[in-house]
N, C-alpha and C. Protein backbone atom coordinates (compact mmCIF):
# COMPACT_ATOMS: atom_id res chain seq x y z
N MET A 1 134.40 -31.84 79.49
CA MET A 1 133.37 -32.81 79.21
C MET A 1 132.45 -32.90 80.42
N THR A 2 131.17 -32.95 80.15
CA THR A 2 130.26 -33.13 81.27
C THR A 2 130.18 -34.60 81.64
N ALA A 3 129.92 -34.86 82.89
CA ALA A 3 129.99 -36.24 83.38
C ALA A 3 128.88 -37.12 82.80
N THR A 4 127.75 -36.54 82.47
CA THR A 4 126.63 -37.37 82.04
C THR A 4 126.43 -37.42 80.54
N SER A 5 126.70 -36.37 79.84
CA SER A 5 126.34 -36.32 78.43
C SER A 5 127.40 -36.90 77.49
N GLY A 6 128.66 -36.93 77.90
CA GLY A 6 129.72 -37.43 77.02
C GLY A 6 130.10 -36.44 75.94
N THR A 7 129.69 -35.20 76.07
CA THR A 7 130.05 -34.19 75.09
C THR A 7 131.07 -33.23 75.69
N LEU A 8 131.89 -32.66 74.82
CA LEU A 8 132.89 -31.71 75.30
C LEU A 8 132.21 -30.43 75.74
N ASP A 9 132.57 -29.94 76.91
CA ASP A 9 132.01 -28.69 77.38
C ASP A 9 132.78 -27.52 76.77
N THR A 10 132.36 -26.33 77.10
CA THR A 10 132.98 -25.15 76.52
C THR A 10 134.46 -25.06 76.86
N GLY A 11 134.83 -25.38 78.09
CA GLY A 11 136.23 -25.34 78.49
C GLY A 11 137.07 -26.31 77.69
N ALA A 12 136.55 -27.53 77.48
CA ALA A 12 137.29 -28.53 76.70
C ALA A 12 137.41 -28.09 75.25
N MET A 13 136.36 -27.51 74.70
CA MET A 13 136.43 -27.03 73.32
C MET A 13 137.43 -25.88 73.19
N ASN A 14 137.47 -25.01 74.19
CA ASN A 14 138.44 -23.92 74.16
C ASN A 14 139.87 -24.45 74.23
N ARG A 15 140.09 -25.47 75.07
CA ARG A 15 141.43 -26.09 75.15
C ARG A 15 141.80 -26.75 73.83
N LEU A 16 140.84 -27.41 73.19
CA LEU A 16 141.10 -28.03 71.89
C LEU A 16 141.44 -26.96 70.85
N SER A 17 140.68 -25.87 70.84
CA SER A 17 140.97 -24.78 69.91
C SER A 17 142.36 -24.20 70.14
N LEU A 18 142.73 -24.06 71.40
CA LEU A 18 144.06 -23.55 71.73
C LEU A 18 145.14 -24.50 71.24
N LYS A 19 144.97 -25.81 71.47
CA LYS A 19 145.94 -26.80 71.00
C LYS A 19 146.08 -26.75 69.48
N LEU A 20 144.93 -26.68 68.78
CA LEU A 20 144.98 -26.65 67.32
C LEU A 20 145.63 -25.36 66.81
N SER A 21 145.37 -24.27 67.48
CA SER A 21 145.99 -23.00 67.10
C SER A 21 147.50 -23.06 67.30
N LEU A 22 147.94 -23.66 68.40
CA LEU A 22 149.37 -23.79 68.66
C LEU A 22 150.05 -24.67 67.62
N VAL A 23 149.41 -25.79 67.27
CA VAL A 23 149.99 -26.67 66.24
C VAL A 23 150.13 -25.91 64.93
N LEU A 24 149.10 -25.17 64.54
CA LEU A 24 149.15 -24.40 63.30
C LEU A 24 150.22 -23.32 63.37
N SER A 25 150.22 -22.55 64.44
CA SER A 25 151.17 -21.45 64.56
C SER A 25 152.62 -21.93 64.58
N ILE A 26 152.89 -22.94 65.40
CA ILE A 26 154.26 -23.45 65.49
C ILE A 26 154.70 -24.07 64.17
N GLY A 27 153.80 -24.82 63.54
CA GLY A 27 154.13 -25.45 62.26
C GLY A 27 154.42 -24.43 61.18
N VAL A 28 153.61 -23.39 61.10
CA VAL A 28 153.82 -22.36 60.08
C VAL A 28 155.12 -21.60 60.33
N VAL A 29 155.41 -21.29 61.58
CA VAL A 29 156.65 -20.58 61.90
C VAL A 29 157.87 -21.43 61.54
N ILE A 30 157.86 -22.71 61.93
CA ILE A 30 158.98 -23.59 61.60
C ILE A 30 159.14 -23.72 60.09
N SER A 31 158.01 -23.91 59.39
CA SER A 31 158.06 -24.04 57.94
C SER A 31 158.60 -22.76 57.29
N ALA A 32 158.13 -21.62 57.77
CA ALA A 32 158.59 -20.35 57.21
C ALA A 32 160.09 -20.15 57.42
N ILE A 33 160.57 -20.49 58.60
CA ILE A 33 162.01 -20.36 58.88
C ILE A 33 162.82 -21.24 57.92
N LEU A 34 162.37 -22.48 57.75
CA LEU A 34 163.08 -23.40 56.85
C LEU A 34 163.04 -22.91 55.40
N LEU A 35 161.86 -22.47 54.95
CA LEU A 35 161.74 -22.01 53.56
C LEU A 35 162.53 -20.73 53.31
N ILE A 36 162.47 -19.81 54.25
CA ILE A 36 163.22 -18.55 54.08
C ILE A 36 164.72 -18.83 54.08
N THR A 37 165.18 -19.73 54.95
CA THR A 37 166.59 -20.10 54.97
C THR A 37 166.99 -20.74 53.64
N GLY A 38 166.16 -21.66 53.14
CA GLY A 38 166.44 -22.29 51.85
C GLY A 38 166.47 -21.30 50.71
N LEU A 39 165.51 -20.38 50.69
CA LEU A 39 165.49 -19.36 49.63
C LEU A 39 166.69 -18.43 49.73
N ALA A 40 167.08 -18.08 50.96
CA ALA A 40 168.26 -17.23 51.13
C ALA A 40 169.50 -17.93 50.57
N LEU A 41 169.61 -19.23 50.81
CA LEU A 41 170.75 -19.99 50.27
C LEU A 41 170.69 -20.06 48.74
N VAL A 42 169.48 -20.20 48.20
CA VAL A 42 169.33 -20.22 46.74
C VAL A 42 169.77 -18.88 46.16
N PHE A 43 169.31 -17.80 46.74
CA PHE A 43 169.68 -16.47 46.22
C PHE A 43 171.17 -16.18 46.43
N ALA A 44 171.73 -16.70 47.51
CA ALA A 44 173.15 -16.46 47.78
C ALA A 44 174.04 -17.25 46.84
N THR A 45 173.64 -18.47 46.51
CA THR A 45 174.48 -19.31 45.65
C THR A 45 174.03 -19.33 44.21
N GLY A 46 172.80 -18.95 43.96
CA GLY A 46 172.30 -18.91 42.58
C GLY A 46 171.70 -20.20 42.09
N SER A 47 171.70 -21.25 42.91
CA SER A 47 171.11 -22.49 42.43
C SER A 47 170.76 -23.41 43.58
N VAL A 48 169.98 -24.39 43.23
CA VAL A 48 169.62 -25.44 44.18
C VAL A 48 169.72 -26.76 43.45
N THR A 49 170.23 -27.77 44.10
CA THR A 49 170.39 -29.07 43.46
C THR A 49 169.50 -30.10 44.14
N THR A 50 169.04 -31.05 43.36
CA THR A 50 168.23 -32.13 43.90
C THR A 50 169.02 -33.43 43.93
N GLY A 51 170.30 -33.36 43.79
CA GLY A 51 171.14 -34.55 43.82
C GLY A 51 171.59 -34.95 42.44
N ASP A 52 170.72 -35.62 41.69
CA ASP A 52 171.11 -36.10 40.37
C ASP A 52 170.81 -35.10 39.27
N MET A 53 170.01 -34.09 39.56
CA MET A 53 169.73 -33.07 38.56
C MET A 53 169.76 -31.71 39.23
N SER A 54 170.01 -30.70 38.46
CA SER A 54 170.13 -29.38 39.05
C SER A 54 169.20 -28.42 38.35
N THR A 55 168.45 -27.69 39.16
CA THR A 55 167.66 -26.58 38.64
C THR A 55 168.27 -25.32 39.24
N ALA A 56 168.36 -24.32 38.45
CA ALA A 56 169.08 -23.14 38.91
C ALA A 56 168.23 -21.89 38.75
N TRP A 57 168.50 -20.95 39.62
CA TRP A 57 167.90 -19.63 39.51
C TRP A 57 169.00 -18.70 39.02
N SER A 58 168.68 -17.92 38.04
CA SER A 58 169.67 -17.01 37.52
C SER A 58 169.08 -15.61 37.52
N GLY A 59 169.80 -14.70 38.04
CA GLY A 59 169.32 -13.33 38.11
C GLY A 59 170.49 -12.36 38.08
N PRO A 60 170.21 -11.09 38.29
CA PRO A 60 171.27 -10.09 38.26
C PRO A 60 172.36 -10.41 39.28
N GLY A 61 173.57 -10.56 38.79
CA GLY A 61 174.70 -10.82 39.66
C GLY A 61 174.82 -12.26 40.11
N HIS A 62 173.95 -13.12 39.62
CA HIS A 62 173.99 -14.53 39.99
C HIS A 62 174.25 -15.37 38.74
N SER A 63 175.08 -16.34 38.88
CA SER A 63 175.30 -17.26 37.78
C SER A 63 174.89 -18.66 38.21
N VAL A 64 174.63 -19.48 37.24
CA VAL A 64 174.24 -20.84 37.55
C VAL A 64 175.48 -21.59 38.02
N GLY A 65 175.41 -22.10 39.24
CA GLY A 65 176.55 -22.80 39.81
C GLY A 65 176.31 -24.29 39.87
N PRO A 66 177.17 -25.00 40.56
CA PRO A 66 177.05 -26.45 40.65
C PRO A 66 175.89 -26.91 41.52
N GLY A 67 175.29 -26.02 42.23
CA GLY A 67 174.15 -26.38 43.06
C GLY A 67 174.47 -26.32 44.53
N ASN A 68 173.43 -26.26 45.31
CA ASN A 68 173.58 -26.18 46.75
C ASN A 68 172.63 -27.18 47.40
N PRO A 69 173.13 -28.36 47.75
CA PRO A 69 172.25 -29.35 48.35
C PRO A 69 171.68 -28.92 49.70
N LEU A 70 172.38 -28.03 50.40
CA LEU A 70 171.88 -27.53 51.67
C LEU A 70 170.60 -26.71 51.46
N ALA A 71 170.59 -25.89 50.42
CA ALA A 71 169.39 -25.11 50.10
C ALA A 71 168.23 -26.03 49.78
N TYR A 72 168.50 -27.05 48.99
CA TYR A 72 167.47 -28.03 48.65
C TYR A 72 166.93 -28.70 49.91
N GLY A 73 167.81 -29.05 50.82
CA GLY A 73 167.39 -29.69 52.07
C GLY A 73 166.48 -28.79 52.90
N PHE A 74 166.83 -27.52 53.02
CA PHE A 74 165.99 -26.59 53.78
C PHE A 74 164.63 -26.40 53.10
N LEU A 75 164.64 -26.25 51.79
CA LEU A 75 163.37 -26.08 51.07
C LEU A 75 162.49 -27.31 51.20
N LEU A 76 163.07 -28.47 51.04
CA LEU A 76 162.31 -29.71 51.17
C LEU A 76 161.76 -29.87 52.58
N ALA A 77 162.57 -29.60 53.59
CA ALA A 77 162.12 -29.71 54.99
C ALA A 77 160.98 -28.73 55.26
N GLY A 78 161.07 -27.52 54.72
CA GLY A 78 160.01 -26.53 54.91
C GLY A 78 158.70 -26.97 54.30
N ILE A 79 158.77 -27.58 53.12
CA ILE A 79 157.56 -28.07 52.46
C ILE A 79 156.99 -29.26 53.22
N VAL A 80 157.85 -30.16 53.68
CA VAL A 80 157.38 -31.33 54.44
C VAL A 80 156.68 -30.88 55.72
N VAL A 81 157.26 -29.94 56.44
CA VAL A 81 156.64 -29.44 57.67
C VAL A 81 155.29 -28.81 57.34
N LEU A 82 155.22 -28.04 56.28
CA LEU A 82 153.97 -27.39 55.89
C LEU A 82 152.89 -28.42 55.54
N VAL A 83 153.28 -29.47 54.86
CA VAL A 83 152.33 -30.51 54.48
C VAL A 83 151.88 -31.33 55.70
N MET A 84 152.74 -31.46 56.69
CA MET A 84 152.43 -32.26 57.87
C MET A 84 151.52 -31.54 58.88
N ILE A 85 151.34 -30.25 58.74
CA ILE A 85 150.52 -29.50 59.70
C ILE A 85 149.09 -30.05 59.77
N PRO A 86 148.40 -30.26 58.65
CA PRO A 86 147.04 -30.80 58.76
C PRO A 86 147.01 -32.17 59.43
N LEU A 87 148.00 -33.01 59.14
CA LEU A 87 148.06 -34.32 59.77
C LEU A 87 148.21 -34.19 61.28
N ALA A 88 149.07 -33.29 61.72
CA ALA A 88 149.27 -33.06 63.15
C ALA A 88 148.00 -32.52 63.81
N ARG A 89 147.30 -31.64 63.12
CA ARG A 89 146.07 -31.08 63.69
C ARG A 89 144.99 -32.14 63.85
N VAL A 90 144.89 -33.04 62.87
CA VAL A 90 143.90 -34.12 62.97
C VAL A 90 144.28 -35.07 64.10
N ALA A 91 145.59 -35.36 64.24
CA ALA A 91 146.04 -36.24 65.33
C ALA A 91 145.73 -35.62 66.69
N VAL A 92 145.96 -34.33 66.84
CA VAL A 92 145.66 -33.65 68.11
C VAL A 92 144.15 -33.67 68.37
N SER A 93 143.36 -33.45 67.34
CA SER A 93 141.90 -33.48 67.50
C SER A 93 141.43 -34.86 67.93
N SER A 94 141.95 -35.88 67.27
CA SER A 94 141.56 -37.25 67.60
C SER A 94 141.91 -37.59 69.05
N HIS A 95 143.11 -37.22 69.45
CA HIS A 95 143.53 -37.48 70.83
C HIS A 95 142.64 -36.74 71.83
N SER A 96 142.34 -35.49 71.54
CA SER A 96 141.50 -34.71 72.45
C SER A 96 140.09 -35.27 72.53
N PHE A 97 139.54 -35.69 71.39
CA PHE A 97 138.20 -36.27 71.42
C PHE A 97 138.20 -37.58 72.19
N ALA A 98 139.24 -38.39 72.02
CA ALA A 98 139.32 -39.66 72.75
C ALA A 98 139.42 -39.41 74.25
N GLN A 99 140.24 -38.43 74.65
CA GLN A 99 140.36 -38.11 76.07
C GLN A 99 139.06 -37.56 76.63
N GLY A 100 138.31 -36.86 75.80
CA GLY A 100 137.05 -36.26 76.26
C GLY A 100 135.87 -37.21 76.22
N GLY A 101 136.11 -38.44 75.80
CA GLY A 101 135.02 -39.41 75.77
C GLY A 101 134.13 -39.32 74.55
N GLU A 102 134.54 -38.56 73.57
CA GLU A 102 133.78 -38.42 72.33
C GLU A 102 134.18 -39.51 71.35
N ARG A 103 133.64 -40.71 71.54
CA ARG A 103 134.03 -41.87 70.75
C ARG A 103 133.78 -41.67 69.26
N ASP A 104 132.60 -41.15 68.90
CA ASP A 104 132.26 -40.98 67.48
C ASP A 104 133.21 -40.01 66.79
N PHE A 105 133.45 -38.87 67.43
CA PHE A 105 134.36 -37.89 66.84
C PHE A 105 135.79 -38.41 66.79
N ALA A 106 136.19 -39.14 67.82
CA ALA A 106 137.54 -39.72 67.84
C ALA A 106 137.71 -40.70 66.68
N LEU A 107 136.71 -41.56 66.46
CA LEU A 107 136.78 -42.52 65.35
C LEU A 107 136.77 -41.81 63.99
N LEU A 108 135.96 -40.78 63.88
CA LEU A 108 135.90 -40.02 62.63
C LEU A 108 137.24 -39.35 62.33
N THR A 109 137.83 -38.73 63.33
CA THR A 109 139.12 -38.07 63.10
C THR A 109 140.23 -39.09 62.88
N LEU A 110 140.13 -40.26 63.49
CA LEU A 110 141.10 -41.32 63.19
C LEU A 110 140.98 -41.78 61.74
N PHE A 111 139.75 -41.85 61.24
CA PHE A 111 139.55 -42.20 59.84
C PHE A 111 140.17 -41.15 58.92
N VAL A 112 139.94 -39.88 59.24
CA VAL A 112 140.53 -38.79 58.44
C VAL A 112 142.05 -38.87 58.50
N LEU A 113 142.60 -39.15 59.68
CA LEU A 113 144.04 -39.30 59.84
C LEU A 113 144.56 -40.45 58.98
N LEU A 114 143.84 -41.56 58.95
CA LEU A 114 144.22 -42.69 58.12
C LEU A 114 144.22 -42.33 56.64
N VAL A 115 143.20 -41.62 56.19
CA VAL A 115 143.12 -41.20 54.79
C VAL A 115 144.28 -40.27 54.44
N LEU A 116 144.58 -39.31 55.32
CA LEU A 116 145.69 -38.40 55.07
C LEU A 116 147.03 -39.14 55.04
N ALA A 117 147.21 -40.07 55.97
CA ALA A 117 148.47 -40.83 56.03
C ALA A 117 148.61 -41.72 54.79
N LEU A 118 147.53 -42.37 54.37
CA LEU A 118 147.59 -43.19 53.16
C LEU A 118 147.86 -42.34 51.91
N SER A 119 147.29 -41.16 51.87
CA SER A 119 147.55 -40.25 50.74
C SER A 119 149.01 -39.84 50.69
N ALA A 120 149.57 -39.52 51.86
CA ALA A 120 150.98 -39.15 51.92
C ALA A 120 151.87 -40.32 51.51
N ALA A 121 151.54 -41.51 51.99
CA ALA A 121 152.33 -42.70 51.64
C ALA A 121 152.22 -43.00 50.15
N ALA A 122 151.04 -42.87 49.60
CA ALA A 122 150.85 -43.14 48.17
C ALA A 122 151.63 -42.14 47.33
N SER A 123 151.68 -40.90 47.76
CA SER A 123 152.41 -39.89 46.98
C SER A 123 153.91 -40.18 46.98
N LEU A 124 154.40 -40.82 48.03
CA LEU A 124 155.82 -41.16 48.09
C LEU A 124 156.12 -42.45 47.32
N LEU A 125 155.18 -43.36 47.29
CA LEU A 125 155.42 -44.67 46.70
C LEU A 125 155.08 -44.74 45.21
N LEU A 126 154.10 -43.97 44.78
CA LEU A 126 153.71 -44.02 43.38
C LEU A 126 154.67 -43.19 42.53
N PRO A 127 154.93 -43.65 41.32
CA PRO A 127 155.86 -42.88 40.46
C PRO A 127 155.23 -41.54 40.08
N VAL A 128 156.11 -40.57 39.96
CA VAL A 128 155.66 -39.24 39.57
C VAL A 128 155.49 -39.20 38.06
N ILE A 129 154.33 -38.75 37.62
CA ILE A 129 154.05 -38.65 36.19
C ILE A 129 154.31 -37.21 35.77
N VAL A 130 155.24 -37.03 34.88
CA VAL A 130 155.60 -35.70 34.41
C VAL A 130 155.18 -35.57 32.95
N ALA A 131 154.44 -34.54 32.68
CA ALA A 131 154.01 -34.30 31.29
C ALA A 131 155.20 -33.84 30.46
N PRO A 132 155.28 -34.30 29.23
CA PRO A 132 156.42 -33.89 28.37
C PRO A 132 156.36 -32.44 27.99
């Protein structure tokens, strides 16, 4: 940031880009590891359970079993991490803009973060509508 203009300089923008790239890269790698582990467990056991109901994968040499809650846990964790990546990127952007003295951009990214957080909360709190 330059001392007089209040705008992020090239170095600050490069650091922000690096931070955002790291958040994306690390998030995708963690999500991929969790999803691949969950899928491997599904293929190894032939099914995945969600607790009160069971959906199963059936293929050559696999039979529908009682379910594997561990596979479900890994798959769910992988999806949650994947969905949280944009939220983390917006949070990092907001923090960087605030540190750099970019009040308008910091407020804008905080608003986006609020909208994303409210959307995530609403998706958890509102009943799921399933078409017959």
